[in-house]
């Protein structure tokens, strides 16, 4: 039964405000993507495509088919990855930025709509969802980077749309026109083939709901679910997926637990547990809990959330961006629970109070992203300065003091550690002509004129020297890097070090990047960079931690 207009007014529904917020989200994420330069997997996909297209970046059928087959054989069969040459290489940058901006804006809207009682999205709850995604999603993993964004942001939007259509639009079945049925089947197959990290947990959630209903569900559910499962099957039949899973333990190491980074990712889960416990302890709220468990959308998302946790445990929480899928489910559940457990209070809130809350939150979001964009532009300019030296460099070495420091007020959203990332350095070097190594090293090394053996040695078992406070290592196969040998990543690698600076400050088990470069003398050396901007030379002692 439709809610009376007076109740709508008190709750604070305002479609114009929601429309403005959705449009703002699109513009902000469009701009965020627009000022983010290519990096990491962008370089990898571009180079892989060129290898199958006669070294050309132009879109051809030969290159597209060759790249797609290569990806399916060696990486994965995710449809957006296979389509990367079309929109990520051949199309203008604004196409990818519009795809990312639209996906994020639509994701926010769908989370709010799926979790709203009656499906009515209010500005207050849209802002709540937006702030939750800003805090809890793993943005610090360079998620705005093109390949990462299309893998996770596009998948988020389509999977939430699939759940919405299944549970809300066609929850009770009904007659469907043939053309609509065809569109739903195609959409379901496409969505299921986007990302196995979404598809597998969601399919488990749907399966549980089928069991609860004893498989008595509308025909459209069967049609969409089977189509979705076919999309997932396409992913699961990719030989590369199983190869990568079987060897993931060999050359992907889980990062050390850090409460500063883990807390935002765990926050939705902590709030979920507390909300559920509170509701269970208050008799008046138990009715709301029973209603939640009668909603297929809640059951599917809850089971998907549990299945995703199980998947992450199996993979050892190795990739930071894996938490993206988990927290999309968690934030949807959290918003769902909060709206239902607090709606009796929200109904009696004064309209002016709600307006003040969501307008204030909207302004905070705007200020936050203006700051993020400012810093992303800063890092883009640094990358442009690095690229400007490439043609003039005799050996590919770039002498530039790349500064990765990023203020905490950005919540580490910008892509600030790009040139301290071993994957980025190794992939970019696949473009290097024979006889060159592309490496960004401190400007202090630009006048290095002595051979390595003549440089002052640093005490410790690492066998390092230093020049103007910069750590250097002889270009040999460093023993401590045996878990990921130079023949796999020939330019950059990582190892933990125990470091003592010249002023006596101690840094134990500090991860450091080992970056091969060619010095001005033509001698090949290894530049060693502790992966924390506060650790700076000169150094008095350096030891390998293991």
Foldseek 3Di string as FASTA:
>chain_A
DDDDPLLCLLLAFDVVLLVVLLVVQLVLQLLQLVLFDAFFVLLVLQLLLCVQVVNDLADDPRSLVSSQVVCLAAPFNAPCSSCCSPQVGHNDSSSLSNLLSNLQSLLLLLLQQLQAVVSRRHLLLSLVLVVLCLQAAQLLLVCSHRVNSQLQSNLSNLLSVLLCCCFPVQVQPDDDDPVRLVVLLVSLLNSLQRYLLQLVLLLVLLVVVCVVVVVPGYPSNVSSSVSSVNSVVNGVPRPNVVVCLVCVVLQFDADDDDCVSVCSNCVLVVLLVVLVVVLVVDVVNVVVVVVLVVGSSSSSLVSSLVVLVVVCVSSVVRRVNSSNSNVSSSSSNSSNSCCSSCVVVSSNHGNVVSVVNSVVSSVLVVVLSVLVSVVLSVLSVVVVVLVVCQVVDPAQEGADDQDLDDDCSNVSNHNRCRLQDLSRLQSNQSPPDPRHRNHYDHNQLQPDDDDQVPADFAAEDQGWGDDPFWIKAAPDFRPQQVSQTCVNRVFKDKFFKWFAAPVGDTDGRFIWMWGWHQGPNRHIITTIGRPDNVDTHDTRHMYGND
